[in-house]
N, C-alpha and C. Protein backbone atom coordinates (compact mmCIF):
# COMPACT_ATOMS: atom_id res chain seq x y z
N MET A 1 -33.24 -36.85 36.62
CA MET A 1 -31.94 -35.94 36.91
C MET A 1 -30.75 -36.09 35.92
N ILE A 2 -30.35 -37.32 35.28
CA ILE A 2 -29.35 -37.54 34.51
C ILE A 2 -29.74 -37.02 33.07
N GLN A 3 -30.83 -37.06 32.70
CA GLN A 3 -31.28 -36.41 31.53
C GLN A 3 -31.35 -34.89 31.74
N LYS A 4 -31.34 -34.22 32.49
CA LYS A 4 -31.42 -32.80 32.93
C LYS A 4 -30.04 -32.38 32.91
N LEU A 5 -28.99 -33.22 33.32
CA LEU A 5 -27.68 -33.17 33.30
C LEU A 5 -26.86 -33.01 32.07
N LYS A 6 -27.43 -33.94 31.39
CA LYS A 6 -26.73 -34.01 29.69
C LYS A 6 -27.40 -32.99 29.03
N GLU A 7 -28.41 -32.28 29.25
CA GLU A 7 -29.20 -31.50 28.49
C GLU A 7 -28.21 -29.92 28.72
N ASN A 8 -28.06 -30.00 29.94
CA ASN A 8 -27.31 -28.81 30.65
C ASN A 8 -25.83 -28.82 29.95
N LEU A 9 -25.38 -29.81 29.97
CA LEU A 9 -23.81 -29.93 29.33
C LEU A 9 -23.81 -29.52 27.85
N GLN A 10 -24.61 -29.83 27.21
CA GLN A 10 -24.93 -29.89 26.12
C GLN A 10 -25.12 -28.36 25.77
N VAL A 11 -25.91 -27.74 26.21
CA VAL A 11 -25.66 -26.21 26.24
C VAL A 11 -24.57 -25.33 26.86
N ILE A 12 -24.05 -26.08 27.70
CA ILE A 12 -22.69 -25.67 27.92
C ILE A 12 -21.53 -25.77 26.78
N LEU A 13 -21.60 -27.10 26.26
CA LEU A 13 -20.74 -27.04 25.31
C LEU A 13 -20.96 -26.36 23.80
N VAL A 14 -22.05 -26.06 23.65
CA VAL A 14 -22.62 -25.18 22.86
C VAL A 14 -22.08 -24.05 22.38
N ILE A 15 -22.54 -23.26 23.63
CA ILE A 15 -22.06 -22.38 24.27
C ILE A 15 -20.58 -21.61 24.15
N GLY A 16 -20.16 -22.94 24.59
CA GLY A 16 -18.30 -22.74 24.63
C GLY A 16 -17.93 -23.00 22.88
N ALA A 17 -18.48 -23.66 22.35
CA ALA A 17 -18.09 -23.82 21.04
C ALA A 17 -18.30 -22.42 20.37
N VAL A 18 -19.77 -21.64 20.37
CA VAL A 18 -19.98 -20.43 19.82
C VAL A 18 -18.76 -19.41 20.47
N ILE A 19 -18.77 -19.41 21.27
CA ILE A 19 -17.71 -18.49 21.97
C ILE A 19 -15.87 -18.68 21.38
N GLY A 20 -15.67 -20.14 21.45
CA GLY A 20 -14.64 -20.43 20.79
C GLY A 20 -14.17 -20.14 19.32
N MET A 21 -15.37 -20.15 18.47
CA MET A 21 -15.45 -20.07 17.07
C MET A 21 -15.54 -18.38 16.88
N THR A 22 -16.01 -17.54 17.60
CA THR A 22 -16.02 -16.12 17.75
C THR A 22 -14.84 -15.44 17.92
N VAL A 23 -14.11 -16.07 19.20
CA VAL A 23 -12.42 -15.58 19.52
C VAL A 23 -11.64 -15.86 18.31
N SER A 24 -11.65 -17.18 17.80
CA SER A 24 -10.95 -17.56 16.84
C SER A 24 -10.91 -16.73 15.54
N SER A 25 -12.40 -16.56 15.11
CA SER A 25 -12.42 -15.67 13.78
C SER A 25 -12.01 -14.30 13.92
N MET A 26 -12.19 -13.45 15.00
CA MET A 26 -11.54 -12.63 15.24
C MET A 26 -10.17 -12.23 15.19
N ALA A 27 -9.60 -13.44 15.60
CA ALA A 27 -7.94 -13.60 15.45
C ALA A 27 -7.62 -13.85 14.30
N TYR A 28 -8.29 -14.62 13.82
CA TYR A 28 -8.13 -14.89 11.96
C TYR A 28 -8.03 -13.58 11.13
N PHE A 29 -9.28 -13.12 10.92
CA PHE A 29 -9.65 -12.11 10.29
C PHE A 29 -8.68 -10.88 10.53
N ALA A 30 -8.15 -10.15 9.61
CA ALA A 30 -7.78 -8.81 9.88
C ALA A 30 -8.47 -7.57 10.55
N LYS A 31 -8.27 -6.67 11.52
CA LYS A 31 -9.07 -5.56 11.92
C LYS A 31 -9.15 -4.59 10.57
N ALA A 32 -10.57 -3.75 10.72
CA ALA A 32 -10.12 -2.73 9.85
C ALA A 32 -8.99 -1.79 9.90
N ASN A 33 -8.39 -1.61 11.11
CA ASN A 33 -7.25 -0.85 11.65
C ASN A 33 -6.17 -1.14 10.82
N ASP A 34 -5.89 -2.56 10.76
CA ASP A 34 -4.66 -3.15 10.39
C ASP A 34 -4.68 -2.89 8.64
N LEU A 35 -5.81 -3.36 8.31
CA LEU A 35 -5.95 -3.05 6.87
C LEU A 35 -5.94 -1.68 6.27
N GLN A 36 -6.21 -0.62 7.11
CA GLN A 36 -6.12 0.44 7.03
C GLN A 36 -4.46 1.18 6.72
N LEU A 37 -3.82 0.41 7.83
CA LEU A 37 -2.73 0.84 7.90
C LEU A 37 -1.66 -0.04 6.72
N VAL A 38 -2.13 -1.13 6.59
CA VAL A 38 -1.27 -1.88 5.21
C VAL A 38 -1.45 -1.12 3.81
N GLU A 39 -2.92 -0.59 3.93
CA GLU A 39 -3.17 0.32 2.62
C GLU A 39 -2.63 1.33 2.46
N GLN A 40 -2.10 2.13 3.50
CA GLN A 40 -1.42 3.27 3.88
C GLN A 40 0.10 2.84 3.48
N ARG A 41 0.56 1.79 4.18
CA ARG A 41 1.97 1.48 3.80
C ARG A 41 1.93 1.23 1.90
N LEU A 42 1.12 0.58 1.49
CA LEU A 42 1.08 0.31 0.08
C LEU A 42 1.27 1.24 -0.68
N ASP A 43 0.19 2.63 -0.58
CA ASP A 43 0.41 3.71 -0.99
C ASP A 43 1.45 4.23 -1.22
N GLN A 44 2.13 4.57 0.08
CA GLN A 44 3.50 4.86 0.13
C GLN A 44 4.63 4.19 -0.40
N LYS A 45 4.60 3.06 -0.51
CA LYS A 45 5.45 2.19 -1.43
C LYS A 45 5.19 2.45 -3.13
N ILE A 46 4.06 2.63 -3.51
CA ILE A 46 3.71 2.90 -4.57
C ILE A 46 4.52 4.48 -5.47
N ARG A 47 4.17 5.26 -4.12
CA ARG A 47 4.33 6.58 -4.50
C ARG A 47 5.91 6.58 -4.49
N ALA A 48 6.61 6.18 -3.73
CA ALA A 48 8.07 6.23 -3.38
C ALA A 48 8.68 5.42 -4.95
N ASP A 49 8.30 4.47 -5.07
CA ASP A 49 8.35 3.75 -6.43
C ASP A 49 8.11 4.39 -7.81
N LYS A 50 7.18 5.23 -7.90
CA LYS A 50 7.12 6.08 -8.98
C LYS A 50 8.05 7.49 -8.78
N VAL A 51 8.50 8.05 -7.80
CA VAL A 51 9.34 8.86 -7.76
C VAL A 51 10.90 8.65 -8.03
N TYR A 52 10.99 7.31 -7.54
CA TYR A 52 12.25 6.61 -8.19
C TYR A 52 12.28 6.43 -9.64
N TYR A 53 11.40 5.95 -10.04
CA TYR A 53 11.62 5.35 -11.61
C TYR A 53 11.70 6.69 -12.38
N MET A 54 10.67 8.05 -12.43
CA MET A 54 10.93 8.98 -12.54
C MET A 54 12.28 9.66 -12.53
N GLN A 55 12.99 9.93 -11.46
CA GLN A 55 14.16 10.53 -11.00
C GLN A 55 15.17 9.57 -11.97
N ARG A 56 15.28 8.11 -12.00
CA ARG A 56 15.85 7.34 -12.71
C ARG A 56 15.87 7.83 -13.80
N ARG A 57 14.71 7.81 -14.76
CA ARG A 57 14.82 8.27 -16.12
C ARG A 57 15.40 9.78 -16.49
N LEU A 58 14.56 10.51 -15.45
CA LEU A 58 15.54 11.93 -15.63
C LEU A 58 16.81 11.77 -15.50
N TRP A 59 17.55 10.86 -14.92
CA TRP A 59 19.15 10.94 -14.86
C TRP A 59 19.62 10.64 -16.11
N GLN A 60 18.84 9.17 -16.96
CA GLN A 60 19.18 8.65 -18.05
C GLN A 60 18.83 9.63 -19.21
N LEU A 61 18.12 10.86 -18.95
CA LEU A 61 18.02 11.84 -20.09
C LEU A 61 19.34 12.75 -19.83
N TYR A 62 19.54 13.01 -18.90
CA TYR A 62 20.71 13.72 -18.30
C TYR A 62 21.93 13.03 -18.92
N ASP A 63 22.03 11.90 -18.74
CA ASP A 63 23.31 11.04 -18.99
C ASP A 63 23.34 10.98 -20.78
N TYR A 64 22.17 10.90 -21.40
CA TYR A 64 22.29 10.87 -22.91
C TYR A 64 22.73 11.86 -23.63
N TYR A 65 21.76 13.22 -23.09
CA TYR A 65 22.12 14.52 -23.58
C TYR A 65 23.33 15.31 -23.07
N LYS A 66 23.44 14.49 -21.84
CA LYS A 66 24.92 15.03 -21.73
C LYS A 66 24.91 16.63 -21.09
N THR A 67 23.70 16.99 -20.60
CA THR A 67 23.40 18.02 -20.00
C THR A 67 22.07 17.79 -18.95
N GLN A 68 22.03 18.74 -18.00
CA GLN A 68 20.83 18.91 -17.03
C GLN A 68 19.59 19.82 -17.16
N ASN A 69 20.03 20.43 -18.39
CA ASN A 69 19.27 21.66 -18.60
C ASN A 69 18.14 21.18 -19.92
N CYS A 70 17.05 21.10 -19.44
CA CYS A 70 16.05 20.54 -20.24
C CYS A 70 16.19 21.25 -22.01
N GLU A 71 15.97 22.65 -21.11
CA GLU A 71 16.28 23.32 -22.81
C GLU A 71 17.07 23.28 -23.87
N ALA A 72 18.32 22.59 -23.32
CA ALA A 72 19.61 22.68 -24.34
C ALA A 72 19.34 21.05 -25.01
N MET A 73 18.47 20.47 -24.46
CA MET A 73 18.20 19.06 -25.21
C MET A 73 17.37 19.32 -26.70
N PRO A 74 17.60 18.37 -27.54
CA PRO A 74 16.79 18.26 -28.75
C PRO A 74 15.31 18.39 -28.30
N GLN A 75 14.26 18.53 -28.99
CA GLN A 75 13.04 18.72 -28.83
C GLN A 75 12.29 17.30 -28.12
N PRO A 76 12.48 15.93 -28.70
CA PRO A 76 11.70 14.83 -27.67
C PRO A 76 12.40 14.76 -26.14
N GLY A 77 13.59 14.83 -26.07
CA GLY A 77 14.27 15.06 -24.65
C GLY A 77 13.85 16.09 -24.12
N LYS A 78 13.81 16.95 -24.80
CA LYS A 78 13.10 18.29 -23.82
C LYS A 78 11.76 18.11 -23.30
N ASP A 79 10.94 17.80 -24.16
CA ASP A 79 9.67 17.03 -23.86
C ASP A 79 9.25 16.64 -22.69
N GLU A 80 10.10 15.29 -22.87
CA GLU A 80 10.15 14.18 -21.79
C GLU A 80 10.72 14.73 -20.25
N CYS A 81 11.67 15.35 -20.61
CA CYS A 81 12.48 16.40 -19.37
C CYS A 81 11.45 16.82 -18.64
N ARG A 82 11.06 18.16 -19.21
CA ARG A 82 9.81 18.69 -18.82
C ARG A 82 8.66 18.08 -18.17
N ALA A 83 8.04 17.17 -18.89
CA ALA A 83 7.07 16.21 -18.44
C ALA A 83 7.66 15.35 -17.06
N ILE A 84 8.54 15.12 -17.11
CA ILE A 84 9.01 14.43 -15.85
C ILE A 84 8.98 15.20 -14.73
N LYS A 85 9.59 16.29 -15.37
CA LYS A 85 10.09 17.36 -13.98
C LYS A 85 8.61 17.84 -13.34
N THR A 86 7.80 17.99 -14.08
CA THR A 86 6.35 18.51 -13.67
C THR A 86 5.90 17.19 -12.97
N GLU A 87 6.04 16.29 -13.36
CA GLU A 87 5.32 14.94 -12.66
C GLU A 87 6.20 15.02 -11.33
N LEU A 88 7.45 14.97 -11.13
CA LEU A 88 8.15 14.74 -9.93
C LEU A 88 7.71 15.65 -8.92
N ALA A 89 7.43 17.08 -9.55
CA ALA A 89 7.37 18.23 -8.62
C ALA A 89 5.75 18.06 -8.08
N LYS A 90 4.71 17.49 -8.60
CA LYS A 90 3.47 17.12 -8.01
C LYS A 90 3.72 16.08 -7.26
N PHE A 91 4.40 14.78 -7.19
CA PHE A 91 4.79 14.03 -6.34
C PHE A 91 5.68 14.36 -4.99
N THR A 92 6.41 15.10 -5.25
CA THR A 92 7.26 15.63 -4.13
C THR A 92 6.80 16.73 -3.24
N GLY A 93 5.93 17.34 -4.01
CA GLY A 93 5.32 18.80 -3.48
C GLY A 93 6.05 19.88 -3.49
N ARG A 94 6.65 19.83 -4.63
CA ARG A 94 7.75 21.19 -4.77
C ARG A 94 7.14 21.73 -6.18
N GLY A 95 5.90 21.72 -6.27
CA GLY A 95 5.43 22.38 -7.40
C GLY A 95 3.86 22.88 -7.63
């Protein structure tokens, strides 16, 4: 009788441990939806940073050459200005 009670108690403890480990592992590891959301936010941040740095470089060119017209810049500035404007249009959806 006592032996049977010990065996039943062991089975109950093992089942409880397995359930506990399962629940704790589900709380510990990120869900696929959470990972997808983090990835989406990271992509948005990278995109925003690229647009910011391209716009910043464009403003530097404008300041350096004292004009916002790419065609009025010397050839190296003209080429870079055109390339940045084309790339910005792709990122912002205006091109």
